[in-house]
Amino acid sequence: MTNQELLANAPEGWTHVEVFESAPVPPKYWRRDNKSYLGGKFIYDKWSQRHNGWFQAVSPTGNMRSRSDIERIVYLESVLKGEAA
C-alpha cells in the first residue's frame, strides 16, 4: 500500500499505522491516547473496521509509522514531481 493510499483509507483521528510489508495483511490504524500510560508507555486505541470504531488496546508492536511522517513524505514527493509549490 502506498503512502497516498494509507492516508486516503485511514479512519478519522488516527495517529499511527502498523504496516506489514512481508504479508498481504491490511494495515492496522492506531490512535495514541496521550493521557494513558502503561509501564511508562503510551496506550493506543486500535481501529476496528468491522465495528467501525476505536477500541483501547495495549502498545502495538511491529513496523509503526506516524501520520505526520507519512503526510510529510507525500508532500515532499509531490514537490519533487512538481505537483506542489
C-alpha atoms as a PDB file:
ATOM      1  CA  MET A   1       0.000   0.000   0.000  1.00  0.00           C
ATOM      2  CA  THR A   2       1.391   3.411  -0.945  1.00  0.00           C
ATOM      3  CA  ASN A   3       1.657   6.383   1.401  1.00  0.00           C
ATOM      4  CA  GLN A   4      -1.173   8.089  -0.502  1.00  0.00           C
ATOM      5  CA  GLU A   5      -3.381   5.011  -0.040  1.00  0.00           C
ATOM      6  CA  LEU A   6      -2.591   4.880   3.672  1.00  0.00           C
ATOM      7  CA  LEU A   7      -3.763   8.488   4.020  1.00  0.00           C
ATOM      8  CA  ALA A   8      -6.840   8.016   1.833  1.00  0.00           C
ATOM      9  CA  ASN A   9      -8.070   4.873   3.610  1.00  0.00           C
ATOM     10  CA  ALA A  10      -7.388   5.925   7.193  1.00  0.00           C
ATOM     11  CA  PRO A  11     -10.163   6.458   9.759  1.00  0.00           C
ATOM     12  CA  GLU A  12     -10.645   9.884  11.310  1.00  0.00           C
ATOM     13  CA  GLY A  13      -8.440  10.556  14.323  1.00  0.00           C
ATOM     14  CA  TRP A  14      -5.603   8.123  13.572  1.00  0.00           C
ATOM     15  CA  THR A  15      -2.057   8.997  14.652  1.00  0.00           C
ATOM     16  CA  HIS A  16      -0.082   5.880  13.671  1.00  0.00           C
ATOM     17  CA  VAL A  17      -0.321   2.951  11.300  1.00  0.00           C
ATOM     18  CA  GLU A  18       1.191  -0.518  11.572  1.00  0.00           C
ATOM     19  CA  VAL A  19       2.267  -1.764   8.140  1.00  0.00           C
ATOM     20  CA  PHE A  20       3.042  -5.367   7.286  1.00  0.00           C
ATOM     21  CA  GLU A  21       5.404  -5.402   4.302  1.00  0.00           C
ATOM     22  CA  SER A  22       6.047  -9.150   4.119  1.00  0.00           C
ATOM     23  CA  ALA A  23       2.459 -10.373   4.228  1.00  0.00           C
ATOM     24  CA  PRO A  24      -0.735  -9.356   2.428  1.00  0.00           C
ATOM     25  CA  VAL A  25      -2.302  -8.105   5.671  1.00  0.00           C
ATOM     26  CA  PRO A  26      -4.228  -4.821   5.645  1.00  0.00           C
ATOM     27  CA  PRO A  27      -2.618  -2.022   7.658  1.00  0.00           C
ATOM     28  CA  LYS A  28      -3.764  -1.531  11.245  1.00  0.00           C
ATOM     29  CA  TYR A  29      -4.580   2.018  12.266  1.00  0.00           C
ATOM     30  CA  TRP A  30      -3.894   3.290  15.787  1.00  0.00           C
ATOM     31  CA  ARG A  31      -4.741   6.416  17.770  1.00  0.00           C
ATOM     32  CA  ARG A  32      -2.423   7.356  20.601  1.00  0.00           C
ATOM     33  CA  ASP A  33      -4.118   8.159  23.886  1.00  0.00           C
ATOM     34  CA  ASN A  34      -1.883  10.916  25.239  1.00  0.00           C
ATOM     35  CA  LYS A  35      -3.433  10.666  28.702  1.00  0.00           C
ATOM     36  CA  SER A  36      -2.888   6.966  29.443  1.00  0.00           C
ATOM     37  CA  TYR A  37       0.325   5.155  30.259  1.00  0.00           C
ATOM     38  CA  LEU A  38       1.081   1.530  30.939  1.00  0.00           C
ATOM     39  CA  GLY A  39       4.526   0.782  32.291  1.00  0.00           C
ATOM     40  CA  GLY A  40       5.826   4.119  31.036  1.00  0.00           C
ATOM     41  CA  LYS A  41       4.438   3.581  27.524  1.00  0.00           C
ATOM     42  CA  PHE A  42       1.521   5.257  25.780  1.00  0.00           C
ATOM     43  CA  ILE A  43      -1.734   3.363  25.411  1.00  0.00           C
ATOM     44  CA  TYR A  44      -3.091   3.160  21.872  1.00  0.00           C
ATOM     45  CA  ASP A  45      -6.632   2.712  20.622  1.00  0.00           C
ATOM     46  CA  LYS A  46      -6.976   0.316  17.686  1.00  0.00           C
ATOM     47  CA  TRP A  47      -9.382   0.915  14.786  1.00  0.00           C
ATOM     48  CA  SER A  48     -11.846  -1.883  14.097  1.00  0.00           C
ATOM     49  CA  GLN A  49     -13.159  -1.838  10.532  1.00  0.00           C
ATOM     50  CA  ARG A  50     -15.707  -4.500  11.430  1.00  0.00           C
ATOM     51  CA  HIS A  51     -17.143  -2.447  14.318  1.00  0.00           C
ATOM     52  CA  ASN A  52     -16.407   0.936  12.707  1.00  0.00           C
ATOM     53  CA  GLY A  53     -14.907   2.303  15.907  1.00  0.00           C
ATOM     54  CA  TRP A  54     -11.909   2.654  18.211  1.00  0.00           C
ATOM     55  CA  PHE A  55     -11.093   0.174  20.981  1.00  0.00           C
ATOM     56  CA  GLN A  56      -8.481   0.561  23.698  1.00  0.00           C
ATOM     57  CA  ALA A  57      -5.522  -1.732  23.207  1.00  0.00           C
ATOM     58  CA  VAL A  58      -2.017  -2.085  24.594  1.00  0.00           C
ATOM     59  CA  SER A  59       1.075  -0.671  22.951  1.00  0.00           C
ATOM     60  CA  PRO A  60       1.292  -2.027  19.402  1.00  0.00           C
ATOM     61  CA  THR A  61       4.291  -3.906  18.109  1.00  0.00           C
ATOM     62  CA  GLY A  62       5.619  -4.048  14.585  1.00  0.00           C
ATOM     63  CA  ASN A  63       6.513  -1.526  11.946  1.00  0.00           C
ATOM     64  CA  MET A  64       4.841   1.616  13.277  1.00  0.00           C
ATOM     65  CA  ARG A  65       4.715   4.773  11.178  1.00  0.00           C
ATOM     66  CA  SER A  66       3.388   8.127  12.308  1.00  0.00           C
ATOM     67  CA  ARG A  67       0.733  10.053  10.426  1.00  0.00           C
ATOM     68  CA  SER A  68       2.829  13.231  10.409  1.00  0.00           C
ATOM     69  CA  ASP A  69       5.786  11.395   8.833  1.00  0.00           C
ATOM     70  CA  ILE A  70       3.589   9.900   6.107  1.00  0.00           C
ATOM     71  CA  GLU A  71       1.989  13.276   5.355  1.00  0.00           C
ATOM     72  CA  ARG A  72       5.424  14.895   5.094  1.00  0.00           C
ATOM     73  CA  ILE A  73       6.707  12.180   2.747  1.00  0.00           C
ATOM     74  CA  VAL A  74       3.655  12.558   0.488  1.00  0.00           C
ATOM     75  CA  TYR A  75       4.147  16.322   0.390  1.00  0.00           C
ATOM     76  CA  LEU A  76       7.868  16.073  -0.424  1.00  0.00           C
ATOM     77  CA  GLU A  77       7.168  13.511  -3.161  1.00  0.00           C
ATOM     78  CA  SER A  78       4.667  15.914  -4.714  1.00  0.00           C
ATOM     79  CA  VAL A  79       7.245  18.731  -4.608  1.00  0.00           C
ATOM     80  CA  LEU A  80       9.777  16.527  -6.398  1.00  0.00           C
ATOM     81  CA  LYS A  81       7.190  15.751  -9.081  1.00  0.00           C
ATOM     82  CA  GLY A  82       6.385  19.448  -9.457  1.00  0.00           C
ATOM     83  CA  GLU A  83       2.812  18.995  -8.220  1.00  0.00           C
ATOM     84  CA  ALA A  84       3.134  21.251  -5.144  1.00  0.00           C
ATOM     85  CA  ALA A  85       4.559  24.717  -4.722  1.00  0.00           C
END
